[in-house]
PDB file of N, CA and C in Angstrom:
ATOM      1  N   MET A   1     -19.415   3.637   4.486  1.00  0.00           N
ATOM      2  CA  MET A   1     -17.790   3.423   4.445  1.00  0.00           C
ATOM      3  C   MET A   1     -17.436   4.584   4.586  1.00  0.00           C
ATOM      4  N   LYS A   2     -16.262   4.812   5.511  1.00  0.00           N
ATOM      5  CA  LYS A   2     -15.655   5.775   5.310  1.00  0.00           C
ATOM      6  C   LYS A   2     -14.125   5.671   4.426  1.00  0.00           C
ATOM      7  N   THR A   3     -13.953   6.560   3.902  1.00  0.00           N
ATOM      8  CA  THR A   3     -12.270   6.537   3.039  1.00  0.00           C
ATOM      9  C   THR A   3     -11.041   7.038   4.529  1.00  0.00           C
ATOM     10  N   ILE A   4     -10.211   6.159   4.800  1.00  0.00           N
ATOM     11  CA  ILE A   4      -9.157   6.483   5.650  1.00  0.00           C
ATOM     12  C   ILE A   4      -7.847   7.063   5.407  1.00  0.00           C
ATOM     13  N   TYR A   5      -7.710   6.754   3.884  1.00  0.00           N
ATOM     14  CA  TYR A   5      -6.441   7.050   3.682  1.00  0.00           C
ATOM     15  C   TYR A   5      -6.926   7.260   2.014  1.00  0.00           C
ATOM     16  N   LYS A   6      -6.204   7.831   1.514  1.00  0.00           N
ATOM     17  CA  LYS A   6      -5.935   8.221  -0.367  1.00  0.00           C
ATOM     18  C   LYS A   6      -4.963   8.852  -0.836  1.00  0.00           C
ATOM     19  N   ASN A   7      -4.550   8.348  -2.148  1.00  0.00           N
ATOM     20  CA  ASN A   7      -3.433   8.722  -2.744  1.00  0.00           C
ATOM     21  C   ASN A   7      -3.788   8.103  -4.152  1.00  0.00           C
ATOM     22  N   GLN A   8      -2.116   8.973  -4.893  1.00  0.00           N
ATOM     23  CA  GLN A   8      -2.107   8.734  -6.126  1.00  0.00           C
ATOM     24  C   GLN A   8      -0.855   8.325  -6.246  1.00  0.00           C
ATOM     25  N   VAL A   9      -0.932   7.498  -7.302  1.00  0.00           N
ATOM     26  CA  VAL A   9       1.516   6.618  -7.591  1.00  0.00           C
ATOM     27  C   VAL A   9       1.621   8.383  -8.784  1.00  0.00           C
ATOM     28  N   LYS A  10       2.733   8.819  -8.315  1.00  0.00           N
ATOM     29  CA  LYS A  10       3.110  10.216  -8.964  1.00  0.00           C
ATOM     30  C   LYS A  10       4.215   9.027 -10.117  1.00  0.00           C
ATOM     31  N   SER A  11       4.904   8.686  -9.666  1.00  0.00           N
ATOM     32  CA  SER A  11       6.025   7.702 -10.553  1.00  0.00           C
ATOM     33  C   SER A  11       6.494   6.974 -10.030  1.00  0.00           C
ATOM     34  N   ILE A  12       6.787   6.066 -10.846  1.00  0.00           N
ATOM     35  CA  ILE A  12       7.279   4.575 -10.998  1.00  0.00           C
ATOM     36  C   ILE A  12       8.750   4.224 -11.173  1.00  0.00           C
ATOM     37  N   GLY A  13       9.632   3.544 -10.304  1.00  0.00           N
ATOM     38  CA  GLY A  13      10.656   3.952 -10.627  1.00  0.00           C
ATOM     39  C   GLY A  13      10.883   2.453 -11.613  1.00  0.00           C
ATOM     40  N   PRO A  14      12.315   2.441 -11.943  1.00  0.00           N
ATOM     41  CA  PRO A  14      12.497   1.325 -13.077  1.00  0.00           C
ATOM     42  C   PRO A  14      12.106  -0.003 -12.926  1.00  0.00           C
ATOM     43  N   MET A  15      12.660  -0.464 -12.132  1.00  0.00           N
ATOM     44  CA  MET A  15      12.649  -1.544 -11.062  1.00  0.00           C
ATOM     45  C   MET A  15      11.537  -1.965 -10.439  1.00  0.00           C
ATOM     46  N   ALA A  16      11.030  -0.718 -10.286  1.00  0.00           N
ATOM     47  CA  ALA A  16       9.090  -1.349  -9.764  1.00  0.00           C
ATOM     48  C   ALA A  16       8.888  -2.355  -9.830  1.00  0.00           C
ATOM     49  N   ASN A  17       8.333  -2.779 -10.946  1.00  0.00           N
ATOM     50  CA  ASN A  17       7.430  -4.295 -11.005  1.00  0.00           C
ATOM     51  C   ASN A  17       8.427  -5.549 -11.037  1.00  0.00           C
ATOM     52  N   THR A  18       9.476  -5.084 -10.940  1.00  0.00           N
ATOM     53  CA  THR A  18      10.807  -6.433 -10.210  1.00  0.00           C
ATOM     54  C   THR A  18       9.963  -7.278  -9.374  1.00  0.00           C
ATOM     55  N   PHE A  19       8.859  -6.999  -8.118  1.00  0.00           N
ATOM     56  CA  PHE A  19       8.577  -7.838  -7.440  1.00  0.00           C
ATOM     57  C   PHE A  19       7.046  -8.479  -7.399  1.00  0.00           C
ATOM     58  N   LEU A  20       6.467  -7.891  -8.717  1.00  0.00           N
ATOM     59  CA  LEU A  20       5.023  -7.667  -8.837  1.00  0.00           C
ATOM     60  C   LEU A  20       5.258  -9.524  -8.983  1.00  0.00           C
ATOM     61  N   ASP A  21       6.050 -10.409  -9.645  1.00  0.00           N
ATOM     62  CA  ASP A  21       6.326 -12.132  -9.629  1.00  0.00           C
ATOM     63  C   ASP A  21       5.882 -12.386  -8.352  1.00  0.00           C
ATOM     64  N   GLU A  22       6.176 -11.490  -7.326  1.00  0.00           N
ATOM     65  CA  GLU A  22       6.384 -12.421  -5.759  1.00  0.00           C
ATOM     66  C   GLU A  22       5.024 -11.546  -5.133  1.00  0.00           C
ATOM     67  N   LYS A  23       4.229 -11.296  -5.948  1.00  0.00           N
ATOM     68  CA  LYS A  23       3.005 -10.538  -5.348  1.00  0.00           C
ATOM     69  C   LYS A  23       3.025  -9.881  -4.435  1.00  0.00           C
ATOM     70  N   MET A  24       3.748  -8.668  -4.317  1.00  0.00           N
ATOM     71  CA  MET A  24       3.962  -7.436  -3.675  1.00  0.00           C
ATOM     72  C   MET A  24       4.599  -6.135  -4.587  1.00  0.00           C
ATOM     73  N   PHE A  25       4.462  -4.940  -3.982  1.00  0.00           N
ATOM     74  CA  PHE A  25       4.581  -4.325  -4.718  1.00  0.00           C
ATOM     75  C   PHE A  25       5.299  -3.526  -3.560  1.00  0.00           C
ATOM     76  N   ILE A  26       6.737  -1.842  -3.763  1.00  0.00           N
ATOM     77  CA  ILE A  26       6.558  -1.429  -2.192  1.00  0.00           C
ATOM     78  C   ILE A  26       6.237   0.169  -2.606  1.00  0.00           C
ATOM     79  N   LEU A  27       5.623   0.508  -1.759  1.00  0.00           N
ATOM     80  CA  LEU A  27       4.971   1.743  -2.266  1.00  0.00           C
ATOM     81  C   LEU A  27       6.402   3.223  -1.418  1.00  0.00           C
ATOM     82  N   PHE A  28       6.644   4.265  -1.994  1.00  0.00           N
ATOM     83  CA  PHE A  28       7.493   5.013  -0.608  1.00  0.00           C
ATOM     84  C   PHE A  28       7.655   6.380  -1.065  1.00  0.00           C
ATOM     85  N   GLY A  29       7.660   7.368  -0.672  1.00  0.00           N
ATOM     86  CA  GLY A  29       6.923   8.844  -0.558  1.00  0.00           C
ATOM     87  C   GLY A  29       8.250   9.444  -1.329  1.00  0.00           C
ATOM     88  N   ASN A  30       8.175  10.732  -0.684  1.00  0.00           N
ATOM     89  CA  ASN A  30       9.337  11.596  -2.376  1.00  0.00           C
ATOM     90  C   ASN A  30      10.711  11.573  -1.548  1.00  0.00           C
ATOM     91  N   GLU A  31      10.877  11.857  -0.286  1.00  0.00           N
ATOM     92  CA  GLU A  31      11.930  11.655   0.246  1.00  0.00           C
ATOM     93  C   GLU A  31      12.996   9.977   0.281  1.00  0.00           C
ATOM     94  N   ALA A  32      12.104   9.191  -0.541  1.00  0.00           N
ATOM     95  CA  ALA A  32      12.831   7.889  -0.360  1.00  0.00           C
ATOM     96  C   ALA A  32      14.688   7.704  -1.103  1.00  0.00           C
ATOM     97  N   PRO A  33      15.589   7.356  -0.547  1.00  0.00           N
ATOM     98  CA  PRO A  33      17.076   7.431  -1.049  1.00  0.00           C
ATOM     99  C   PRO A  33      16.789   6.936  -2.885  1.00  0.00           C
ATOM    100  N   GLN A  34      17.774   7.718  -3.329  1.00  0.00           N
ATOM    101  CA  GLN A  34      17.482   7.169  -4.843  1.00  0.00           C
ATOM    102  C   GLN A  34      17.738   5.978  -5.016  1.00  0.00           C
ATOM    103  N   ASP A  35      18.836   4.863  -4.506  1.00  0.00           N
ATOM    104  CA  ASP A  35      18.952   3.712  -4.714  1.00  0.00           C
ATOM    105  C   ASP A  35      17.410   3.312  -4.546  1.00  0.00           C
ATOM    106  N   LEU A  36      16.647   3.520  -3.239  1.00  0.00           N
ATOM    107  CA  LEU A  36      15.541   2.536  -3.313  1.00  0.00           C
ATOM    108  C   LEU A  36      14.303   3.502  -4.054  1.00  0.00           C
ATOM    109  N   LYS A  37      14.252   4.274  -4.505  1.00  0.00           N
ATOM    110  CA  LYS A  37      13.333   4.943  -5.258  1.00  0.00           C
ATOM    111  C   LYS A  37      13.224   3.939  -6.759  1.00  0.00           C
ATOM    112  N   ASP A  38      13.836   3.486  -7.360  1.00  0.00           N
ATOM    113  CA  ASP A  38      14.273   2.772  -8.706  1.00  0.00           C
ATOM    114  C   ASP A  38      13.236   2.004  -7.935  1.00  0.00           C
ATOM    115  N   PHE A  39      13.235   0.721  -6.907  1.00  0.00           N
ATOM    116  CA  PHE A  39      12.561  -0.389  -7.068  1.00  0.00           C
ATOM    117  C   PHE A  39      11.030   0.202  -5.879  1.00  0.00           C
ATOM    118  N   CYS A  40      10.289   1.591  -6.282  1.00  0.00           N
ATOM    119  CA  CYS A  40       9.484   2.017  -5.605  1.00  0.00           C
ATOM    120  C   CYS A  40       8.566   2.643  -6.735  1.00  0.00           C
ATOM    121  N   TYR A  41       7.025   2.586  -6.494  1.00  0.00           N
ATOM    122  CA  TYR A  41       6.187   3.230  -6.495  1.00  0.00           C
ATOM    123  C   TYR A  41       6.067   4.532  -5.689  1.00  0.00           C
ATOM    124  N   SER A  42       6.262   5.735  -6.586  1.00  0.00           N
ATOM    125  CA  SER A  42       6.841   7.099  -5.676  1.00  0.00           C
ATOM    126  C   SER A  42       4.739   7.252  -5.309  1.00  0.00           C
ATOM    127  N   ILE A  43       4.962   7.983  -4.274  1.00  0.00           N
ATOM    128  CA  ILE A  43       3.453   8.821  -3.992  1.00  0.00           C
ATOM    129  C   ILE A  43       3.635   9.940  -2.803  1.00  0.00           C
ATOM    130  N   ASP A  44       3.038  10.703  -2.770  1.00  0.00           N
ATOM    131  CA  ASP A  44       3.042  11.999  -1.463  1.00  0.00           C
ATOM    132  C   ASP A  44       3.265  11.311  -0.297  1.00  0.00           C
ATOM    133  N   VAL A  45       3.574  11.872   0.808  1.00  0.00           N
ATOM    134  CA  VAL A  45       3.351  11.921   2.008  1.00  0.00           C
ATOM    135  C   VAL A  45       1.965  11.943   2.459  1.00  0.00           C
ATOM    136  N   VAL A  46       0.828  11.691   2.800  1.00  0.00           N
ATOM    137  CA  VAL A  46      -0.107  11.523   3.357  1.00  0.00           C
ATOM    138  C   VAL A  46      -0.458  10.938   4.793  1.00  0.00           C
ATOM    139  N   ASN A  47      -1.558  12.138   5.850  1.00  0.00           N
ATOM    140  CA  ASN A  47      -2.023  10.760   6.842  1.00  0.00           C
ATOM    141  C   ASN A  47      -2.905  10.618   6.715  1.00  0.00           C
ATOM    142  N   VAL A  48      -3.032   9.111   7.731  1.00  0.00           N
ATOM    143  CA  VAL A  48      -4.111   8.524   7.554  1.00  0.00           C
ATOM    144  C   VAL A  48      -4.980   9.067   8.428  1.00  0.00           C
ATOM    145  N   ASP A  49      -6.127   8.768   8.189  1.00  0.00           N
ATOM    146  CA  ASP A  49      -7.116   9.274   9.269  1.00  0.00           C
ATOM    147  C   ASP A  49      -7.823   8.747  10.405  1.00  0.00           C
ATOM    148  N   GLU A  50      -7.319   7.116  10.140  1.00  0.00           N
ATOM    149  CA  GLU A  50      -7.597   6.407  11.121  1.00  0.00           C
ATOM    150  C   GLU A  50      -6.613   5.079  11.714  1.00  0.00           C
ATOM    151  N   GLU A  51      -6.780   3.922  12.277  1.00  0.00           N
ATOM    152  CA  GLU A  51      -5.873   3.533  12.232  1.00  0.00           C
ATOM    153  C   GLU A  51      -6.469   2.101  11.264  1.00  0.00           C
ATOM    154  N   ILE A  52      -5.655   1.488  10.385  1.00  0.00           N
ATOM    155  CA  ILE A  52      -5.473   0.782   9.100  1.00  0.00           C
ATOM    156  C   ILE A  52      -5.580  -0.899  10.073  1.00  0.00           C
ATOM    157  N   GLN A  53      -6.498  -2.044  10.052  1.00  0.00           N
ATOM    158  CA  GLN A  53      -6.936  -3.363  10.638  1.00  0.00           C
ATOM    159  C   GLN A  53      -7.106  -3.849   9.828  1.00  0.00           C
ATOM    160  N   ALA A  54      -6.879  -5.519   9.945  1.00  0.00           N
ATOM    161  CA  ALA A  54      -7.280  -6.513   9.358  1.00  0.00           C
ATOM    162  C   ALA A  54      -9.061  -5.995   9.042  1.00  0.00           C
ATOM    163  N   GLY A  55      -9.725  -6.284   7.619  1.00  0.00           N
ATOM    164  CA  GLY A  55     -10.670  -6.559   7.697  1.00  0.00           C
ATOM    165  C   GLY A  55     -11.570  -5.108   6.389  1.00  0.00           C
ATOM    166  N   GLN A  56     -10.677  -4.278   6.387  1.00  0.00           N
ATOM    167  CA  GLN A  56     -10.514  -2.956   5.889  1.00  0.00           C
ATOM    168  C   GLN A  56     -10.126  -3.176   4.300  1.00  0.00           C
ATOM    169  N   VAL A  57     -10.794  -2.691   3.292  1.00  0.00           N
ATOM    170  CA  VAL A  57     -10.658  -2.521   1.973  1.00  0.00           C
ATOM    171  C   VAL A  57      -9.348  -1.383   1.544  1.00  0.00           C
ATOM    172  N   LEU A  58      -8.456  -2.458   0.768  1.00  0.00           N
ATOM    173  CA  LEU A  58      -7.658  -1.132  -0.191  1.00  0.00           C
ATOM    174  C   LEU A  58      -7.833  -1.157  -1.886  1.00  0.00           C
ATOM    175  N   TYR A  59      -8.150  -0.208  -2.155  1.00  0.00           N
ATOM    176  CA  TYR A  59      -8.416  -0.105  -3.563  1.00  0.00           C
ATOM    177  C   TYR A  59      -7.317   0.477  -4.217  1.00  0.00           C
ATOM    178  N   ILE A  60      -6.908  -0.211  -5.477  1.00  0.00           N
ATOM    179  CA  ILE A  60      -6.059   0.217  -6.406  1.00  0.00           C
ATOM    180  C   ILE A  60      -6.962   1.172  -7.584  1.00  0.00           C
ATOM    181  N   ASN A  61      -7.129   1.798  -7.725  1.00  0.00           N
ATOM    182  CA  ASN A  61      -8.631   2.374  -8.906  1.00  0.00           C
ATOM    183  C   ASN A  61      -9.656   1.826  -8.110  1.00  0.00           C
ATOM    184  N   ASN A  62     -10.162   0.883  -8.838  1.00  0.00           N
ATOM    185  CA  ASN A  62     -11.913   0.375  -8.673  1.00  0.00           C
ATOM    186  C   ASN A  62     -11.487  -1.013  -8.320  1.00  0.00           C
ATOM    187  N   GLU A  63     -10.584  -1.495  -8.104  1.00  0.00           N
ATOM    188  CA  GLU A  63     -10.623  -2.951  -7.661  1.00  0.00           C
ATOM    189  C   GLU A  63      -9.824  -3.085  -6.592  1.00  0.00           C
ATOM    190  N   ALA A  64     -11.237  -3.647  -5.108  1.00  0.00           N
ATOM    191  CA  ALA A  64     -11.405  -3.882  -4.106  1.00  0.00           C
ATOM    192  C   ALA A  64     -10.157  -5.363  -3.482  1.00  0.00           C
ATOM    193  N   PHE A  65      -9.301  -4.976  -2.357  1.00  0.00           N
ATOM    194  CA  PHE A  65      -8.467  -6.145  -1.793  1.00  0.00           C
ATOM    195  C   PHE A  65      -8.759  -6.185  -0.499  1.00  0.00           C
ATOM    196  N   LYS A  66      -9.173  -7.023   0.410  1.00  0.00           N
ATOM    197  CA  LYS A  66      -9.550  -6.863   1.459  1.00  0.00           C
ATOM    198  C   LYS A  66      -8.179  -7.041   2.179  1.00  0.00           C
ATOM    199  N   ILE A  67      -8.046  -6.173   3.437  1.00  0.00           N
ATOM    200  CA  ILE A  67      -6.423  -6.214   3.931  1.00  0.00           C
ATOM    201  C   ILE A  67      -6.774  -7.094   5.026  1.00  0.00           C
ATOM    202  N   THR A  68      -5.717  -8.811   4.955  1.00  0.00           N
ATOM    203  CA  THR A  68      -5.799  -9.432   5.551  1.00  0.00           C
ATOM    204  C   THR A  68      -4.979  -9.379   7.382  1.00  0.00           C
ATOM    205  N   SER A  69      -4.167  -8.473   6.985  1.00  0.00           N
ATOM    206  CA  SER A  69      -3.305  -8.104   8.423  1.00  0.00           C
ATOM    207  C   SER A  69      -2.115  -7.003   7.983  1.00  0.00           C
ATOM    208  N   VAL A  70      -2.162  -6.254   9.405  1.00  0.00           N
ATOM    209  CA  VAL A  70      -1.100  -5.020   8.931  1.00  0.00           C
ATOM    210  C   VAL A  70      -0.026  -5.278   9.859  1.00  0.00           C
ATOM    211  N   GLY A  71       1.176  -5.226   9.560  1.00  0.00           N
ATOM    212  CA  GLY A  71       2.043  -5.256  10.035  1.00  0.00           C
ATOM    213  C   GLY A  71       2.497  -3.571  11.299  1.00  0.00           C
ATOM    214  N   ASP A  72       3.365  -4.010  11.610  1.00  0.00           N
ATOM    215  CA  ASP A  72       3.367  -3.230  13.229  1.00  0.00           C
ATOM    216  C   ASP A  72       3.373  -1.741  12.778  1.00  0.00           C
ATOM    217  N   VAL A  73       4.588  -1.800  12.218  1.00  0.00           N
ATOM    218  CA  VAL A  73       4.799   0.312  11.498  1.00  0.00           C
ATOM    219  C   VAL A  73       4.103   0.050  10.398  1.00  0.00           C
ATOM    220  N   VAL A  74       3.581  -0.071   9.865  1.00  0.00           N
ATOM    221  CA  VAL A  74       2.376  -0.174   8.891  1.00  0.00           C
ATOM    222  C   VAL A  74       1.853   1.514   9.116  1.00  0.00           C
ATOM    223  N   GLN A  75       1.778   1.896  10.076  1.00  0.00           N
ATOM    224  CA  GLN A  75       0.748   2.622   9.947  1.00  0.00           C
ATOM    225  C   GLN A  75       1.363   4.201  10.122  1.00  0.00           C
ATOM    226  N   GLN A  76       2.509   3.729  10.950  1.00  0.00           N
ATOM    227  CA  GLN A  76       3.889   4.921  11.066  1.00  0.00           C
ATOM    228  C   GLN A  76       4.024   5.231   9.773  1.00  0.00           C
ATOM    229  N   ASN A  77       5.020   3.859   9.336  1.00  0.00           N
ATOM    230  CA  ASN A  77       5.645   4.521   7.886  1.00  0.00           C
ATOM    231  C   ASN A  77       5.174   5.086   6.975  1.00  0.00           C
ATOM    232  N   LEU A  78       3.274   4.881   6.561  1.00  0.00           N
ATOM    233  CA  LEU A  78       2.725   5.332   5.490  1.00  0.00           C
ATOM    234  C   LEU A  78       2.473   6.732   5.927  1.00  0.00           C
ATOM    235  N   THR A  79       2.408   7.400   7.113  1.00  0.00           N
ATOM    236  CA  THR A  79       2.534   8.632   7.720  1.00  0.00           C
ATOM    237  C   THR A  79       3.082   9.778   7.664  1.00  0.00           C
ATOM    238  N   THR A  80       4.638   8.741   7.796  1.00  0.00           N
ATOM    239  CA  THR A  80       5.374   9.492   8.237  1.00  0.00           C
ATOM    240  C   THR A  80       6.341   9.464   6.606  1.00  0.00           C
ATOM    241  N   LEU A  81       6.720   8.387   5.978  1.00  0.00           N
ATOM    242  CA  LEU A  81       7.414   7.875   5.081  1.00  0.00           C
ATOM    243  C   LEU A  81       7.125   7.893   3.641  1.00  0.00           C
ATOM    244  N   GLY A  82       5.513   7.855   4.052  1.00  0.00           N
ATOM    245  CA  GLY A  82       4.726   7.334   2.853  1.00  0.00           C
ATOM    246  C   GLY A  82       5.239   5.909   2.290  1.00  0.00           C
ATOM    247  N   HIS A  83       5.916   4.723   3.110  1.00  0.00           N
ATOM    248  CA  HIS A  83       6.290   3.652   2.490  1.00  0.00           C
ATOM    249  C   HIS A  83       6.522   2.451   3.513  1.00  0.00           C
ATOM    250  N   ILE A  84       5.352   2.061   2.611  1.00  0.00           N
ATOM    251  CA  ILE A  84       5.203   0.429   2.979  1.00  0.00           C
ATOM    252  C   ILE A  84       5.123  -0.071   1.853  1.00  0.00           C
ATOM    253  N   THR A  85       5.395  -2.080   2.007  1.00  0.00           N
ATOM    254  CA  THR A  85       5.359  -2.873   1.243  1.00  0.00           C
ATOM    255  C   THR A  85       3.901  -3.757   1.493  1.00  0.00           C
ATOM    256  N   LEU A  86       2.568  -3.571  -0.150  1.00  0.00           N
ATOM    257  CA  LEU A  86       2.060  -4.646  -0.168  1.00  0.00           C
ATOM    258  C   LEU A  86       2.438  -5.562  -0.978  1.00  0.00           C
ATOM    259  N   ARG A  87       1.866  -7.046   0.121  1.00  0.00           N
ATOM    260  CA  ARG A  87       2.367  -8.173  -0.400  1.00  0.00           C
ATOM    261  C   ARG A  87       0.242  -8.718  -0.409  1.00  0.00           C
ATOM    262  N   PHE A  88       0.049  -9.157  -1.549  1.00  0.00           N
ATOM    263  CA  PHE A  88      -0.774 -10.082  -2.033  1.00  0.00           C
ATOM    264  C   PHE A  88      -0.944 -11.378  -1.584  1.00  0.00           C
ATOM    265  N   ASP A  89      -1.071 -12.105  -0.484  1.00  0.00           N
ATOM    266  CA  ASP A  89      -1.046 -13.240  -0.337  1.00  0.00           C
ATOM    267  C   ASP A  89      -1.393 -13.660   0.779  1.00  0.00           C
ATOM    268  N   GLY A  90      -2.681 -12.903   1.242  1.00  0.00           N
ATOM    269  CA  GLY A  90      -3.496 -13.288   1.922  1.00  0.00           C
ATOM    270  C   GLY A  90      -3.209 -13.852   3.334  1.00  0.00           C
ATOM    271  N   SER A  91      -1.800 -13.351   3.927  1.00  0.00           N
ATOM    272  CA  SER A  91      -1.374 -13.820   4.794  1.00  0.00           C
ATOM    273  C   SER A  91      -2.344 -13.311   6.288  1.00  0.00           C
ATOM    274  N   THR A  92      -2.787 -14.140   6.651  1.00  0.00           N
ATOM    275  CA  THR A  92      -3.514 -13.437   8.299  1.00  0.00           C
ATOM    276  C   THR A  92      -1.953 -13.180   9.843  1.00  0.00           C
ATOM    277  N   THR A  93      -1.120 -13.663   9.761  1.00  0.00           N
ATOM    278  CA  THR A  93      -0.109 -13.257  10.331  1.00  0.00           C
ATOM    279  C   THR A  93       0.771 -12.411   9.573  1.00  0.00           C
ATOM    280  N   PRO A  94       1.160 -11.005  10.159  1.00  0.00           N
ATOM    281  CA  PRO A  94       2.483 -10.469   9.691  1.00  0.00           C
ATOM    282  C   PRO A  94       3.749 -10.607  10.249  1.00  0.00           C
ATOM    283  N   GLU A  95       3.914 -11.279   8.573  1.00  0.00           N
ATOM    284  CA  GLU A  95       5.537 -11.603   9.164  1.00  0.00           C
ATOM    285  C   GLU A  95       6.633 -10.057   9.364  1.00  0.00           C
ATOM    286  N   LEU A  96       6.155  -9.184   8.484  1.00  0.00           N
ATOM    287  CA  LEU A  96       7.368  -8.698   8.282  1.00  0.00           C
ATOM    288  C   LEU A  96       6.303  -7.200   8.934  1.00  0.00           C
ATOM    289  N   PRO A  97       7.026  -6.583  10.081  1.00  0.00           N
ATOM    290  CA  PRO A  97       6.410  -5.136  10.458  1.00  0.00           C
ATOM    291  C   PRO A  97       5.818  -3.711   9.627  1.00  0.00           C
ATOM    292  N   GLY A  98       6.431  -3.462   8.250  1.00  0.00           N
ATOM    293  CA  GLY A  98       6.329  -2.777   7.238  1.00  0.00           C
ATOM    294  C   GLY A  98       6.090  -3.138   6.386  1.00  0.00           C
ATOM    295  N   THR A  99       4.968  -4.152   6.478  1.00  0.00           N
ATOM    296  CA  THR A  99       4.246  -4.982   5.359  1.00  0.00           C
ATOM    297  C   THR A  99       2.581  -4.878   5.691  1.00  0.00           C
ATOM    298  N   LEU A 100       1.501  -4.636   4.447  1.00  0.00           N
ATOM    299  CA  LEU A 100       0.332  -4.893   4.521  1.00  0.00           C
ATOM    300  C   LEU A 100      -0.235  -5.544   3.479  1.00  0.00           C
ATOM    301  N   TYR A 101      -0.985  -6.556   4.460  1.00  0.00           N
ATOM    302  CA  TYR A 101      -1.024  -8.024   4.205  1.00  0.00           C
ATOM    303  C   TYR A 101      -2.758  -7.484   3.304  1.00  0.00           C
ATOM    304  N   LEU A 102      -2.635  -8.562   2.149  1.00  0.00           N
ATOM    305  CA  LEU A 102      -4.264  -8.076   1.551  1.00  0.00           C
ATOM    306  C   LEU A 102      -4.203  -9.615   0.612  1.00  0.00           C
ATOM    307  N   GLU A 103      -5.569 -10.011  -0.257  1.00  0.00           N
ATOM    308  CA  GLU A 103      -6.398 -11.214   0.009  1.00  0.00           C
ATOM    309  C   GLU A 103      -5.442 -11.547  -1.264  1.00  0.00           C
ATOM    310  N   GLU A 104      -5.042 -12.779  -1.630  1.00  0.00           N
ATOM    311  CA  GLU A 104      -4.398 -13.154  -2.681  1.00  0.00           C
ATOM    312  C   GLU A 104      -5.298 -12.604  -4.480  1.00  0.00           C
ATOM    313  N   LYS A 105      -4.833 -11.632  -5.300  1.00  0.00           N
ATOM    314  CA  LYS A 105      -5.461 -11.258  -6.039  1.00  0.00           C
ATOM    315  C   LYS A 105      -4.316 -11.181  -7.235  1.00  0.00           C
ATOM    316  N   GLU A 106      -4.739 -11.430  -8.186  1.00  0.00           N
ATOM    317  CA  GLU A 106      -3.637 -10.520  -9.267  1.00  0.00           C
ATOM    318  C   GLU A 106      -3.274  -8.761  -9.247  1.00  0.00           C
ATOM    319  N   ILE A 107      -2.668  -8.700  -9.122  1.00  0.00           N
ATOM    320  CA  ILE A 107      -2.513  -7.435  -8.749  1.00  0.00           C
ATOM    321  C   ILE A 107      -2.584  -6.489 -10.367  1.00  0.00           C
ATOM    322  N   PRO A 108      -3.886  -5.347 -10.251  1.00  0.00           N
ATOM    323  CA  PRO A 108      -3.495  -4.697 -11.660  1.00  0.00           C
ATOM    324  C   PRO A 108      -2.604  -4.083 -11.877  1.00  0.00           C
ATOM    325  N   SER A 109      -2.715  -3.074 -12.749  1.00  0.00           N
ATOM    326  CA  SER A 109      -1.978  -2.473 -13.734  1.00  0.00           C
ATOM    327  C   SER A 109      -1.589  -1.514 -13.061  1.00  0.00           C
ATOM    328  N   ILE A 110      -0.163  -0.506 -12.750  1.00  0.00           N
ATOM    329  CA  ILE A 110      -0.776   0.324 -11.799  1.00  0.00           C
ATOM    330  C   ILE A 110       0.874   1.120 -12.736  1.00  0.00           C
ATOM    331  N   GLU A 111      -0.151   2.349 -12.791  1.00  0.00           N
ATOM    332  CA  GLU A 111       0.377   3.809 -14.079  1.00  0.00           C
ATOM    333  C   GLU A 111       0.575   4.739 -12.804  1.00  0.00           C
ATOM    334  N   PRO A 112       1.369   6.055 -13.083  1.00  0.00           N
ATOM    335  CA  PRO A 112       1.079   7.278 -12.414  1.00  0.00           C
ATOM    336  C   PRO A 112      -0.179   7.754 -12.896  1.00  0.00           C
ATOM    337  N   GLY A 113      -0.760   8.435 -11.440  1.00  0.00           N
ATOM    338  CA  GLY A 113      -1.790   8.143 -11.543  1.00  0.00           C
ATOM    339  C   GLY A 113      -3.024   7.568 -10.954  1.00  0.00           C
ATOM    340  N   THR A 114      -2.610   6.303 -10.705  1.00  0.00           N
ATOM    341  CA  THR A 114      -3.367   5.284  -9.911  1.00  0.00           C
ATOM    342  C   THR A 114      -3.812   6.144  -8.673  1.00  0.00           C
ATOM    343  N   GLU A 115      -5.219   5.588  -8.155  1.00  0.00           N
ATOM    344  CA  GLU A 115      -5.782   5.679  -7.240  1.00  0.00           C
ATOM    345  C   GLU A 115      -4.997   4.606  -5.770  1.00  0.00           C
ATOM    346  N   ILE A 116      -4.886   4.950  -4.826  1.00  0.00           N
ATOM    347  CA  ILE A 116      -4.856   4.559  -3.506  1.00  0.00           C
ATOM    348  C   ILE A 116      -5.748   4.262  -2.842  1.00  0.00           C
ATOM    349  N   LYS A 117      -6.459   3.891  -2.231  1.00  0.00           N
ATOM    350  CA  LYS A 117      -7.148   4.602  -1.224  1.00  0.00           C
ATOM    351  C   LYS A 117      -7.129   3.229   0.033  1.00  0.00           C
ATOM    352  N   ILE A 118      -7.537   3.887   1.283  1.00  0.00           N
ATOM    353  CA  ILE A 118      -7.986   2.583   2.590  1.00  0.00           C
ATOM    354  C   ILE A 118      -8.875   3.186   3.067  1.00  0.00           C
ATOM    355  N   VAL A 119     -10.341   1.805   2.821  1.00  0.00           N
ATOM    356  CA  VAL A 119     -11.861   2.255   3.219  1.00  0.00           C
ATOM    357  C   VAL A 119     -11.952   1.146   4.218  1.00  0.00           C
ATOM    358  N   SER A 120     -12.700   2.117   5.002  1.00  0.00           N
ATOM    359  CA  SER A 120     -13.426   1.687   6.674  1.00  0.00           C
ATOM    360  C   SER A 120     -14.789   1.015   6.205  1.00  0.00           C
ATOM    361  N   GLU A 121     -15.224   0.018   6.573  1.00  0.00           N
ATOM    362  CA  GLU A 121     -15.975  -0.307   6.278  1.00  0.00           C
ATOM    363  C   GLU A 121     -17.439   0.126   7.582  1.00  0.00           C
ATOM    364  N   GLN A 122     -16.674   0.215   8.765  1.00  0.00           N
ATOM    365  CA  GLN A 122     -17.386   1.277   9.736  1.00  0.00           C
ATOM    366  C   GLN A 122     -17.356   2.163   9.507  1.00  0.00           C
ATOM    367  N   ALA A 123     -18.550   2.440   9.939  1.00  0.00           N
ATOM    368  CA  ALA A 123     -19.675   3.908  10.187  1.00  0.00           C
ATOM    369  C   ALA A 123     -19.038   4.790  11.371  1.00  0.00           C
ATOM    370  N   SER A 124     -18.572   6.255  10.980  1.00  0.00           N
ATOM    371  CA  SER A 124     -17.611   6.748  12.261  1.00  0.00           C
ATOM    372  C   SER A 124     -18.287   8.677  12.162  1.00  0.00           C
TER     373      SER A 124
END
């Protein structure tokens, strides 16, 4: 296993939890426009070490979620803006380009300091 992306939630917009009932939440880097920051979990903008692919695993703290599909601009947006939507519906076809789709499981509580990482199962 190799960690290809690691970050942590810095702050939480007052409306960020609004989307949890829809099985999704939004990450955005420090440069998010203020009107969007209210709906996002803020993170630092950091690089992704290799391509994000279905079959890899995203961790929220120690809870694992299998990646089921990856929107076309997830990699670019995460690396340049820190901005993606995480959707926990198990979809194997990426409907939206900026969305990372994960297995359908209950989303754990997210607080400032919550670690988010993506792990590749392949050794490299």
